[in-house]
Amino acid sequence: MIGLPVGTRIWIAAGVTDMRSGFNGLAARVQTALDEDPFSGHVFVFCGRRGDMIKVLWWSGDGLCLLAKRLERGRFVWPQATGGTVSLSQAQLSMLLEGIDWRRPERT
């Protein structure tokens, strides 16, 4: 995982996103649907209809970064809400990217 600066907020865009979207389409979705600034340095995470692919959009200070991940088996754990945002910690984002249920991690 890329080391994010301290104070970086991580937002999940609830609902379904068209995974054909690229930099511009996802940045526009951040501005219109989430009412946030895509160039704020925050991280925005989007999921497709099938739930096996996510895209992460992040402004690193000198350009937009777009990370895409597709699970070969299973689905990403995603909020049931159809709109709005959910805030995550960096640890929860790491779990999400690994396909782990970030909502109820169990310590062993």
PDB file of N, CA and C in Angstrom:
ATOM      1  N   MET A   1       0.848  -1.179   0.000  1.00  0.00           N
ATOM      2  CA  MET A   1       0.000   0.000   0.000  1.00  0.00           C
ATOM      3  C   MET A   1       0.889   1.236   0.000  1.00  0.00           C
ATOM      4  N   ILE A   2       0.453   2.257  -0.702  1.00  0.00           N
ATOM      5  CA  ILE A   2       1.170   3.516  -0.775  1.00  0.00           C
ATOM      6  C   ILE A   2       1.051   4.221   0.576  1.00  0.00           C
ATOM      7  N   GLY A   3       2.153   4.745   1.071  1.00  0.00           N
ATOM      8  CA  GLY A   3       2.122   5.486   2.326  1.00  0.00           C
ATOM      9  C   GLY A   3       1.436   6.829   2.120  1.00  0.00           C
ATOM     10  N   LEU A   4       0.351   7.040   2.812  1.00  0.00           N
ATOM     11  CA  LEU A   4      -0.399   8.287   2.682  1.00  0.00           C
ATOM     12  C   LEU A   4       0.060   9.284   3.729  1.00  0.00           C
ATOM     13  N   PRO A   5       0.053  10.572   3.402  1.00  0.00           N
ATOM     14  CA  PRO A   5       0.429  11.586   4.385  1.00  0.00           C
ATOM     15  C   PRO A   5      -0.509  11.565   5.591  1.00  0.00           C
ATOM     16  N   VAL A   6       0.014  11.977   6.738  1.00  0.00           N
ATOM     17  CA  VAL A   6      -0.793  12.059   7.952  1.00  0.00           C
ATOM     18  C   VAL A   6      -1.942  13.031   7.716  1.00  0.00           C
ATOM     19  N   GLY A   7      -3.109  12.683   8.185  1.00  0.00           N
ATOM     20  CA  GLY A   7      -4.275  13.553   8.042  1.00  0.00           C
ATOM     21  C   GLY A   7      -5.070  13.315   6.770  1.00  0.00           C
ATOM     22  N   THR A   8      -4.636  12.383   5.928  1.00  0.00           N
ATOM     23  CA  THR A   8      -5.372  12.082   4.701  1.00  0.00           C
ATOM     24  C   THR A   8      -6.651  11.341   5.061  1.00  0.00           C
ATOM     25  N   ARG A   9      -7.762  11.820   4.570  1.00  0.00           N
ATOM     26  CA  ARG A   9      -9.053  11.157   4.794  1.00  0.00           C
ATOM     27  C   ARG A   9      -9.299  10.166   3.658  1.00  0.00           C
ATOM     28  N   ILE A  10      -9.951   9.084   3.980  1.00  0.00           N
ATOM     29  CA  ILE A  10     -10.267   8.047   3.002  1.00  0.00           C
ATOM     30  C   ILE A  10     -11.784   7.922   2.952  1.00  0.00           C
ATOM     31  N   TRP A  11     -12.344   8.083   1.757  1.00  0.00           N
ATOM     32  CA  TRP A  11     -13.790   8.073   1.576  1.00  0.00           C
ATOM     33  C   TRP A  11     -14.195   6.957   0.626  1.00  0.00           C
ATOM     34  N   ILE A  12     -15.187   6.184   1.021  1.00  0.00           N
ATOM     35  CA  ILE A  12     -15.817   5.206   0.132  1.00  0.00           C
ATOM     36  C   ILE A  12     -17.039   5.895  -0.463  1.00  0.00           C
ATOM     37  N   ALA A  13     -17.160   5.850  -1.781  1.00  0.00           N
ATOM     38  CA  ALA A  13     -18.352   6.379  -2.444  1.00  0.00           C
ATOM     39  C   ALA A  13     -19.399   5.270  -2.446  1.00  0.00           C
ATOM     40  N   ALA A  14     -20.396   5.390  -1.572  1.00  0.00           N
ATOM     41  CA  ALA A  14     -21.431   4.365  -1.466  1.00  0.00           C
ATOM     42  C   ALA A  14     -22.200   4.270  -2.782  1.00  0.00           C
ATOM     43  N   GLY A  15     -22.754   3.117  -3.030  1.00  0.00           N
ATOM     44  CA  GLY A  15     -23.477   2.879  -4.273  1.00  0.00           C
ATOM     45  C   GLY A  15     -22.549   2.298  -5.323  1.00  0.00           C
ATOM     46  N   VAL A  16     -23.055   2.242  -6.534  1.00  0.00           N
ATOM     47  CA  VAL A  16     -22.337   1.599  -7.640  1.00  0.00           C
ATOM     48  C   VAL A  16     -21.767   2.667  -8.569  1.00  0.00           C
ATOM     49  N   THR A  17     -20.555   2.424  -9.045  1.00  0.00           N
ATOM     50  CA  THR A  17     -19.880   3.327  -9.970  1.00  0.00           C
ATOM     51  C   THR A  17     -19.582   2.580 -11.262  1.00  0.00           C
ATOM     52  N   ASP A  18     -19.699   3.259 -12.384  1.00  0.00           N
ATOM     53  CA  ASP A  18     -19.345   2.681 -13.677  1.00  0.00           C
ATOM     54  C   ASP A  18     -17.834   2.506 -13.726  1.00  0.00           C
ATOM     55  N   MET A  19     -17.371   1.280 -13.772  1.00  0.00           N
ATOM     56  CA  MET A  19     -15.935   0.998 -13.735  1.00  0.00           C
ATOM     57  C   MET A  19     -15.219   1.335 -15.038  1.00  0.00           C
ATOM     58  N   ARG A  20     -15.960   1.772 -16.045  1.00  0.00           N
ATOM     59  CA  ARG A  20     -15.318   2.260 -17.269  1.00  0.00           C
ATOM     60  C   ARG A  20     -14.782   3.663 -17.077  1.00  0.00           C
ATOM     61  N   SER A  21     -15.173   4.313 -16.004  1.00  0.00           N
ATOM     62  CA  SER A  21     -14.726   5.680 -15.718  1.00  0.00           C
ATOM     63  C   SER A  21     -13.232   5.708 -15.452  1.00  0.00           C
ATOM     64  N   GLY A  22     -12.601   6.780 -15.917  1.00  0.00           N
ATOM     65  CA  GLY A  22     -11.179   6.992 -15.689  1.00  0.00           C
ATOM     66  C   GLY A  22     -10.970   8.171 -14.759  1.00  0.00           C
ATOM     67  N   PHE A  23      -9.818   8.816 -14.901  1.00  0.00           N
ATOM     68  CA  PHE A  23      -9.465   9.953 -14.046  1.00  0.00           C
ATOM     69  C   PHE A  23     -10.553  11.020 -14.048  1.00  0.00           C
ATOM     70  N   ASN A  24     -10.926  11.477 -15.236  1.00  0.00           N
ATOM     71  CA  ASN A  24     -11.869  12.593 -15.343  1.00  0.00           C
ATOM     72  C   ASN A  24     -13.265  12.229 -14.864  1.00  0.00           C
ATOM     73  N   GLY A  25     -13.745  11.044 -15.226  1.00  0.00           N
ATOM     74  CA  GLY A  25     -15.078  10.617 -14.818  1.00  0.00           C
ATOM     75  C   GLY A  25     -15.193  10.443 -13.310  1.00  0.00           C
ATOM     76  N   LEU A  26     -14.176   9.854 -12.687  1.00  0.00           N
ATOM     77  CA  LEU A  26     -14.208   9.667 -11.239  1.00  0.00           C
ATOM     78  C   LEU A  26     -14.042  10.991 -10.507  1.00  0.00           C
ATOM     79  N   ALA A  27     -13.189  11.879 -11.032  1.00  0.00           N
ATOM     80  CA  ALA A  27     -13.034  13.205 -10.417  1.00  0.00           C
ATOM     81  C   ALA A  27     -14.353  13.977 -10.496  1.00  0.00           C
ATOM     82  N   ALA A  28     -15.065  13.862 -11.611  1.00  0.00           N
ATOM     83  CA  ALA A  28     -16.363  14.522 -11.741  1.00  0.00           C
ATOM     84  C   ALA A  28     -17.369  13.940 -10.757  1.00  0.00           C
ATOM     85  N   ARG A  29     -17.322  12.626 -10.550  1.00  0.00           N
ATOM     86  CA  ARG A  29     -18.232  11.988  -9.579  1.00  0.00           C
ATOM     87  C   ARG A  29     -17.925  12.472  -8.161  1.00  0.00           C
ATOM     88  N   VAL A  30     -16.656  12.650  -7.835  1.00  0.00           N
ATOM     89  CA  VAL A  30     -16.278  13.174  -6.521  1.00  0.00           C
ATOM     90  C   VAL A  30     -16.876  14.559  -6.330  1.00  0.00           C
ATOM     91  N   GLN A  31     -16.801  15.403  -7.363  1.00  0.00           N
ATOM     92  CA  GLN A  31     -17.309  16.768  -7.263  1.00  0.00           C
ATOM     93  C   GLN A  31     -18.831  16.816  -7.189  1.00  0.00           C
ATOM     94  N   THR A  32     -19.509  16.045  -8.031  1.00  0.00           N
ATOM     95  CA  THR A  32     -20.967  16.165  -8.109  1.00  0.00           C
ATOM     96  C   THR A  32     -21.694  15.305  -7.079  1.00  0.00           C
ATOM     97  N   ALA A  33     -21.393  14.028  -7.034  1.00  0.00           N
ATOM     98  CA  ALA A  33     -22.132  13.119  -6.158  1.00  0.00           C
ATOM     99  C   ALA A  33     -21.674  13.202  -4.704  1.00  0.00           C
ATOM    100  N   LEU A  34     -20.379  13.413  -4.485  1.00  0.00           N
ATOM    101  CA  LEU A  34     -19.856  13.403  -3.120  1.00  0.00           C
ATOM    102  C   LEU A  34     -19.667  14.808  -2.552  1.00  0.00           C
ATOM    103  N   ASP A  35     -19.749  15.825  -3.416  1.00  0.00           N
ATOM    104  CA  ASP A  35     -19.578  17.221  -3.015  1.00  0.00           C
ATOM    105  C   ASP A  35     -18.235  17.436  -2.312  1.00  0.00           C
ATOM    106  N   GLU A  36     -17.181  16.839  -2.878  1.00  0.00           N
ATOM    107  CA  GLU A  36     -15.819  16.968  -2.352  1.00  0.00           C
ATOM    108  C   GLU A  36     -14.911  17.451  -3.473  1.00  0.00           C
ATOM    109  N   ASP A  37     -13.717  17.874  -3.106  1.00  0.00           N
ATOM    110  CA  ASP A  37     -12.717  18.320  -4.067  1.00  0.00           C
ATOM    111  C   ASP A  37     -11.772  17.163  -4.368  1.00  0.00           C
ATOM    112  N   PRO A  38     -11.728  16.668  -5.618  1.00  0.00           N
ATOM    113  CA  PRO A  38     -10.845  15.540  -5.928  1.00  0.00           C
ATOM    114  C   PRO A  38      -9.362  15.886  -5.816  1.00  0.00           C
ATOM    115  N   PHE A  39      -9.026  17.168  -5.753  1.00  0.00           N
ATOM    116  CA  PHE A  39      -7.641  17.613  -5.648  1.00  0.00           C
ATOM    117  C   PHE A  39      -7.275  18.022  -4.223  1.00  0.00           C
ATOM    118  N   SER A  40      -8.026  17.530  -3.248  1.00  0.00           N
ATOM    119  CA  SER A  40      -7.809  17.875  -1.841  1.00  0.00           C
ATOM    120  C   SER A  40      -6.728  17.028  -1.188  1.00  0.00           C
ATOM    121  N   GLY A  41      -6.322  15.944  -1.825  1.00  0.00           N
ATOM    122  CA  GLY A  41      -5.356  15.038  -1.217  1.00  0.00           C
ATOM    123  C   GLY A  41      -6.010  13.882  -0.498  1.00  0.00           C
ATOM    124  N   HIS A  42      -7.348  13.891  -0.431  1.00  0.00           N
ATOM    125  CA  HIS A  42      -8.069  12.780   0.171  1.00  0.00           C
ATOM    126  C   HIS A  42      -8.132  11.618  -0.827  1.00  0.00           C
ATOM    127  N   VAL A  43      -8.428  10.436  -0.321  1.00  0.00           N
ATOM    128  CA  VAL A  43      -8.521   9.220  -1.129  1.00  0.00           C
ATOM    129  C   VAL A  43      -9.993   8.884  -1.304  1.00  0.00           C
ATOM    130  N   PHE A  44     -10.382   8.569  -2.543  1.00  0.00           N
ATOM    131  CA  PHE A  44     -11.767   8.220  -2.848  1.00  0.00           C
ATOM    132  C   PHE A  44     -11.798   6.828  -3.468  1.00  0.00           C
ATOM    133  N   VAL A  45     -12.654   5.960  -2.925  1.00  0.00           N
ATOM    134  CA  VAL A  45     -12.718   4.558  -3.347  1.00  0.00           C
ATOM    135  C   VAL A  45     -14.086   4.297  -3.960  1.00  0.00           C
ATOM    136  N   PHE A  46     -14.092   3.634  -5.123  1.00  0.00           N
ATOM    137  CA  PHE A  46     -15.309   3.352  -5.882  1.00  0.00           C
ATOM    138  C   PHE A  46     -15.398   1.859  -6.174  1.00  0.00           C
ATOM    139  N   CYS A  47     -16.625   1.344  -6.244  1.00  0.00           N
ATOM    140  CA  CYS A  47     -16.829  -0.078  -6.526  1.00  0.00           C
ATOM    141  C   CYS A  47     -17.837  -0.233  -7.665  1.00  0.00           C
ATOM    142  N   GLY A  48     -17.634  -1.268  -8.474  1.00  0.00           N
ATOM    143  CA  GLY A  48     -18.529  -1.552  -9.593  1.00  0.00           C
ATOM    144  C   GLY A  48     -19.730  -2.382  -9.182  1.00  0.00           C
ATOM    145  N   ARG A  49     -20.602  -2.639 -10.130  1.00  0.00           N
ATOM    146  CA  ARG A  49     -21.844  -3.362  -9.880  1.00  0.00           C
ATOM    147  C   ARG A  49     -21.601  -4.797  -9.416  1.00  0.00           C
ATOM    148  N   ARG A  50     -20.635  -5.489 -10.016  1.00  0.00           N
ATOM    149  CA  ARG A  50     -20.379  -6.887  -9.647  1.00  0.00           C
ATOM    150  C   ARG A  50     -19.689  -7.020  -8.295  1.00  0.00           C
ATOM    151  N   GLY A  51     -19.028  -5.964  -7.836  1.00  0.00           N
ATOM    152  CA  GLY A  51     -18.402  -5.986  -6.527  1.00  0.00           C
ATOM    153  C   GLY A  51     -17.038  -6.642  -6.489  1.00  0.00           C
ATOM    154  N   ASP A  52     -16.514  -7.037  -7.647  1.00  0.00           N
ATOM    155  CA  ASP A  52     -15.207  -7.693  -7.655  1.00  0.00           C
ATOM    156  C   ASP A  52     -14.085  -6.745  -8.076  1.00  0.00           C
ATOM    157  N   MET A  53     -14.418  -5.479  -8.349  1.00  0.00           N
ATOM    158  CA  MET A  53     -13.418  -4.511  -8.779  1.00  0.00           C
ATOM    159  C   MET A  53     -13.637  -3.186  -8.068  1.00  0.00           C
ATOM    160  N   ILE A  54     -12.516  -2.579  -7.641  1.00  0.00           N
ATOM    161  CA  ILE A  54     -12.586  -1.241  -7.058  1.00  0.00           C
ATOM    162  C   ILE A  54     -11.559  -0.354  -7.744  1.00  0.00           C
ATOM    163  N   LYS A  55     -11.817   0.945  -7.679  1.00  0.00           N
ATOM    164  CA  LYS A  55     -10.866   1.946  -8.154  1.00  0.00           C
ATOM    165  C   LYS A  55     -10.657   2.956  -7.040  1.00  0.00           C
ATOM    166  N   VAL A  56      -9.411   3.382  -6.897  1.00  0.00           N
ATOM    167  CA  VAL A  56      -9.025   4.339  -5.872  1.00  0.00           C
ATOM    168  C   VAL A  56      -8.446   5.560  -6.575  1.00  0.00           C
ATOM    169  N   LEU A  57      -8.981   6.742  -6.258  1.00  0.00           N
ATOM    170  CA  LEU A  57      -8.522   7.996  -6.845  1.00  0.00           C
ATOM    171  C   LEU A  57      -7.884   8.839  -5.747  1.00  0.00           C
ATOM    172  N   TRP A  58      -6.665   9.329  -6.023  1.00  0.00           N
ATOM    173  CA  TRP A  58      -5.928  10.105  -5.013  1.00  0.00           C
ATOM    174  C   TRP A  58      -5.074  11.159  -5.691  1.00  0.00           C
ATOM    175  N   TRP A  59      -5.147  12.387  -5.188  1.00  0.00           N
ATOM    176  CA  TRP A  59      -4.294  13.475  -5.653  1.00  0.00           C
ATOM    177  C   TRP A  59      -3.039  13.463  -4.800  1.00  0.00           C
ATOM    178  N   SER A  60      -1.899  13.196  -5.408  1.00  0.00           N
ATOM    179  CA  SER A  60      -0.646  13.050  -4.667  1.00  0.00           C
ATOM    180  C   SER A  60       0.095  14.371  -4.487  1.00  0.00           C
ATOM    181  N   GLY A  61      -0.451  15.453  -4.990  1.00  0.00           N
ATOM    182  CA  GLY A  61       0.192  16.751  -4.877  1.00  0.00           C
ATOM    183  C   GLY A  61       0.697  17.261  -6.211  1.00  0.00           C
ATOM    184  N   ASP A  62       1.054  16.339  -7.102  1.00  0.00           N
ATOM    185  CA  ASP A  62       1.519  16.756  -8.429  1.00  0.00           C
ATOM    186  C   ASP A  62       0.765  16.049  -9.554  1.00  0.00           C
ATOM    187  N   GLY A  63      -0.226  15.262  -9.204  1.00  0.00           N
ATOM    188  CA  GLY A  63      -1.031  14.580 -10.217  1.00  0.00           C
ATOM    189  C   GLY A  63      -1.998  13.607  -9.583  1.00  0.00           C
ATOM    190  N   LEU A  64      -3.000  13.200 -10.362  1.00  0.00           N
ATOM    191  CA  LEU A  64      -3.962  12.214  -9.887  1.00  0.00           C
ATOM    192  C   LEU A  64      -3.398  10.812 -10.055  1.00  0.00           C
ATOM    193  N   CYS A  65      -3.612   9.987  -9.053  1.00  0.00           N
ATOM    194  CA  CYS A  65      -3.232   8.571  -9.110  1.00  0.00           C
ATOM    195  C   CYS A  65      -4.516   7.753  -9.155  1.00  0.00           C
ATOM    196  N   LEU A  66      -4.525   6.733  -9.998  1.00  0.00           N
ATOM    197  CA  LEU A  66      -5.687   5.857 -10.119  1.00  0.00           C
ATOM    198  C   LEU A  66      -5.212   4.426  -9.959  1.00  0.00           C
ATOM    199  N   LEU A  67      -5.722   3.768  -8.927  1.00  0.00           N
ATOM    200  CA  LEU A  67      -5.392   2.378  -8.650  1.00  0.00           C
ATOM    201  C   LEU A  67      -6.640   1.556  -8.904  1.00  0.00           C
ATOM    202  N   ALA A  68      -6.501   0.464  -9.626  1.00  0.00           N
ATOM    203  CA  ALA A  68      -7.625  -0.451  -9.855  1.00  0.00           C
ATOM    204  C   ALA A  68      -7.222  -1.831  -9.354  1.00  0.00           C
ATOM    205  N   LYS A  69      -8.160  -2.506  -8.687  1.00  0.00           N
ATOM    206  CA  LYS A  69      -7.899  -3.866  -8.217  1.00  0.00           C
ATOM    207  C   LYS A  69      -9.130  -4.711  -8.477  1.00  0.00           C
ATOM    208  N   ARG A  70      -8.895  -5.912  -9.017  1.00  0.00           N
ATOM    209  CA  ARG A  70      -9.971  -6.869  -9.262  1.00  0.00           C
ATOM    210  C   ARG A  70      -9.645  -8.147  -8.507  1.00  0.00           C
ATOM    211  N   LEU A  71     -10.604  -8.645  -7.735  1.00  0.00           N
ATOM    212  CA  LEU A  71     -10.423  -9.900  -7.029  1.00  0.00           C
ATOM    213  C   LEU A  71     -10.698 -11.054  -7.981  1.00  0.00           C
ATOM    214  N   GLU A  72      -9.877 -12.057  -7.944  1.00  0.00           N
ATOM    215  CA  GLU A  72     -10.096 -13.240  -8.782  1.00  0.00           C
ATOM    216  C   GLU A  72     -11.233 -14.099  -8.238  1.00  0.00           C
ATOM    217  N   ARG A  73     -11.384 -14.105  -6.904  1.00  0.00           N
ATOM    218  CA  ARG A  73     -12.487 -14.821  -6.269  1.00  0.00           C
ATOM    219  C   ARG A  73     -13.090 -13.925  -5.200  1.00  0.00           C
ATOM    220  N   GLY A  74     -14.392 -13.979  -5.062  1.00  0.00           N
ATOM    221  CA  GLY A  74     -15.071 -13.216  -4.023  1.00  0.00           C
ATOM    222  C   GLY A  74     -15.398 -11.796  -4.446  1.00  0.00           C
ATOM    223  N   ARG A  75     -15.876 -11.034  -3.467  1.00  0.00           N
ATOM    224  CA  ARG A  75     -16.284  -9.649  -3.691  1.00  0.00           C
ATOM    225  C   ARG A  75     -15.746  -8.772  -2.576  1.00  0.00           C
ATOM    226  N   PHE A  76     -15.597  -7.498  -2.883  1.00  0.00           N
ATOM    227  CA  PHE A  76     -15.196  -6.538  -1.866  1.00  0.00           C
ATOM    228  C   PHE A  76     -16.385  -6.264  -0.949  1.00  0.00           C
ATOM    229  N   VAL A  77     -16.104  -6.050   0.330  1.00  0.00           N
ATOM    230  CA  VAL A  77     -17.150  -5.704   1.295  1.00  0.00           C
ATOM    231  C   VAL A  77     -17.487  -4.237   1.094  1.00  0.00           C
ATOM    232  N   TRP A  78     -18.748  -3.966   0.745  1.00  0.00           N
ATOM    233  CA  TRP A  78     -19.156  -2.614   0.381  1.00  0.00           C
ATOM    234  C   TRP A  78     -20.404  -2.228   1.146  1.00  0.00           C
ATOM    235  N   PRO A  79     -20.553  -0.944   1.554  1.00  0.00           N
ATOM    236  CA  PRO A  79     -21.760  -0.511   2.270  1.00  0.00           C
ATOM    237  C   PRO A  79     -23.014  -0.720   1.426  1.00  0.00           C
ATOM    238  N   GLN A  80     -24.125  -0.998   2.081  1.00  0.00           N
ATOM    239  CA  GLN A  80     -25.393  -1.233   1.392  1.00  0.00           C
ATOM    240  C   GLN A  80     -26.082   0.052   0.943  1.00  0.00           C
ATOM    241  N   ALA A  81     -25.643   1.196   1.454  1.00  0.00           N
ATOM    242  CA  ALA A  81     -26.258   2.476   1.090  1.00  0.00           C
ATOM    243  C   ALA A  81     -26.099   2.730  -0.406  1.00  0.00           C
ATOM    244  N   THR A  82     -27.044   3.459  -0.986  1.00  0.00           N
ATOM    245  CA  THR A  82     -27.000   3.751  -2.421  1.00  0.00           C
ATOM    246  C   THR A  82     -26.377   5.109  -2.723  1.00  0.00           C
ATOM    247  N   GLY A  83     -26.121   5.905  -1.715  1.00  0.00           N
ATOM    248  CA  GLY A  83     -25.513   7.214  -1.927  1.00  0.00           C
ATOM    249  C   GLY A  83     -24.760   7.668  -0.700  1.00  0.00           C
ATOM    250  N   GLY A  84     -23.979   8.719  -0.861  1.00  0.00           N
ATOM    251  CA  GLY A  84     -23.221   9.269   0.249  1.00  0.00           C
ATOM    252  C   GLY A  84     -21.830   8.683   0.344  1.00  0.00           C
ATOM    253  N   THR A  85     -21.184   8.923   1.491  1.00  0.00           N
ATOM    254  CA  THR A  85     -19.810   8.463   1.696  1.00  0.00           C
ATOM    255  C   THR A  85     -19.678   7.790   3.050  1.00  0.00           C
ATOM    256  N   VAL A  86     -18.644   6.988   3.153  1.00  0.00           N
ATOM    257  CA  VAL A  86     -18.252   6.360   4.414  1.00  0.00           C
ATOM    258  C   VAL A  86     -16.775   6.638   4.581  1.00  0.00           C
ATOM    259  N   SER A  87     -16.375   7.050   5.776  1.00  0.00           N
ATOM    260  CA  SER A  87     -14.971   7.340   6.048  1.00  0.00           C
ATOM    261  C   SER A  87     -14.282   6.099   6.603  1.00  0.00           C
ATOM    262  N   LEU A  88     -13.051   5.851   6.146  1.00  0.00           N
ATOM    263  CA  LEU A  88     -12.264   4.707   6.600  1.00  0.00           C
ATOM    264  C   LEU A  88     -10.938   5.176   7.171  1.00  0.00           C
ATOM    265  N   SER A  89     -10.344   4.330   8.003  1.00  0.00           N
ATOM    266  CA  SER A  89      -8.967   4.556   8.443  1.00  0.00           C
ATOM    267  C   SER A  89      -8.037   3.889   7.429  1.00  0.00           C
ATOM    268  N   GLN A  90      -6.737   4.160   7.524  1.00  0.00           N
ATOM    269  CA  GLN A  90      -5.787   3.523   6.610  1.00  0.00           C
ATOM    270  C   GLN A  90      -5.769   2.017   6.822  1.00  0.00           C
ATOM    271  N   ALA A  91      -5.924   1.566   8.058  1.00  0.00           N
ATOM    272  CA  ALA A  91      -5.960   0.126   8.336  1.00  0.00           C
ATOM    273  C   ALA A  91      -7.182  -0.518   7.686  1.00  0.00           C
ATOM    274  N   GLN A  92      -8.332   0.146   7.768  1.00  0.00           N
ATOM    275  CA  GLN A  92      -9.541  -0.384   7.139  1.00  0.00           C
ATOM    276  C   GLN A  92      -9.397  -0.416   5.624  1.00  0.00           C
ATOM    277  N   LEU A  93      -8.750   0.597   5.033  1.00  0.00           N
ATOM    278  CA  LEU A  93      -8.513   0.586   3.594  1.00  0.00           C
ATOM    279  C   LEU A  93      -7.629  -0.592   3.208  1.00  0.00           C
ATOM    280  N   SER A  94      -6.602  -0.875   3.989  1.00  0.00           N
ATOM    281  CA  SER A  94      -5.731  -2.016   3.715  1.00  0.00           C
ATOM    282  C   SER A  94      -6.522  -3.320   3.751  1.00  0.00           C
ATOM    283  N   MET A  95      -7.412  -3.447   4.735  1.00  0.00           N
ATOM    284  CA  MET A  95      -8.246  -4.657   4.818  1.00  0.00           C
ATOM    285  C   MET A  95      -9.176  -4.747   3.618  1.00  0.00           C
ATOM    286  N   LEU A  96      -9.785  -3.621   3.243  1.00  0.00           N
ATOM    287  CA  LEU A  96     -10.678  -3.602   2.086  1.00  0.00           C
ATOM    288  C   LEU A  96      -9.952  -4.069   0.839  1.00  0.00           C
ATOM    289  N   LEU A  97      -8.736  -3.559   0.616  1.00  0.00           N
ATOM    290  CA  LEU A  97      -7.968  -3.928  -0.574  1.00  0.00           C
ATOM    291  C   LEU A  97      -7.574  -5.400  -0.579  1.00  0.00           C
ATOM    292  N   GLU A  98      -7.502  -6.013   0.593  1.00  0.00           N
ATOM    293  CA  GLU A  98      -7.178  -7.437   0.690  1.00  0.00           C
ATOM    294  C   GLU A  98      -8.423  -8.317   0.617  1.00  0.00           C
ATOM    295  N   GLY A  99      -9.599  -7.704   0.544  1.00  0.00           N
ATOM    296  CA  GLY A  99     -10.831  -8.478   0.480  1.00  0.00           C
ATOM    297  C   GLY A  99     -11.335  -8.917   1.841  1.00  0.00           C
ATOM    298  N   ILE A 100     -10.823  -8.310   2.911  1.00  0.00           N
ATOM    299  CA  ILE A 100     -11.221  -8.642   4.277  1.00  0.00           C
ATOM    300  C   ILE A 100     -12.389  -7.747   4.682  1.00  0.00           C
ATOM    301  N   ASP A 101     -13.301  -8.288   5.504  1.00  0.00           N
ATOM    302  CA  ASP A 101     -14.433  -7.492   5.987  1.00  0.00           C
ATOM    303  C   ASP A 101     -13.908  -6.440   6.957  1.00  0.00           C
ATOM    304  N   TRP A 102     -13.758  -5.218   6.508  1.00  0.00           N
ATOM    305  CA  TRP A 102     -13.204  -4.120   7.280  1.00  0.00           C
ATOM    306  C   TRP A 102     -14.167  -3.610   8.342  1.00  0.00           C
ATOM    307  N   ARG A 103     -15.455  -3.989   8.249  1.00  0.00           N
ATOM    308  CA  ARG A 103     -16.458  -3.494   9.208  1.00  0.00           C
ATOM    309  C   ARG A 103     -16.366  -4.199  10.553  1.00  0.00           C
ATOM    310  N   ARG A 104     -15.974  -5.483  10.534  1.00  0.00           N
ATOM    311  CA  ARG A 104     -15.924  -6.273  11.769  1.00  0.00           C
ATOM    312  C   ARG A 104     -14.639  -7.090  11.864  1.00  0.00           C
ATOM    313  N   PRO A 105     -13.493  -6.429  11.920  1.00  0.00           N
ATOM    314  CA  PRO A 105     -12.261  -7.221  12.050  1.00  0.00           C
ATOM    315  C   PRO A 105     -12.209  -7.882  13.418  1.00  0.00           C
ATOM    316  N   GLU A 106     -11.755  -9.105  13.445  1.00  0.00           N
ATOM    317  CA  GLU A 106     -11.660  -9.833  14.710  1.00  0.00           C
ATOM    318  C   GLU A 106     -10.201 -10.040  15.076  1.00  0.00           C
ATOM    319  N   ARG A 107      -9.872  -9.688  16.301  1.00  0.00           N
ATOM    320  CA  ARG A 107      -8.515  -9.921  16.791  1.00  0.00           C
ATOM    321  C   ARG A 107      -8.400 -11.364  17.262  1.00  0.00           C
ATOM    322  N   THR A 108      -7.250 -11.958  17.011  1.00  0.00           N
ATOM    323  CA  THR A 108      -7.042 -13.340  17.459  1.00  0.00           C
ATOM    324  C   THR A 108      -5.928 -13.386  18.481  1.00  0.00           C
TER     325      THR A 108
END
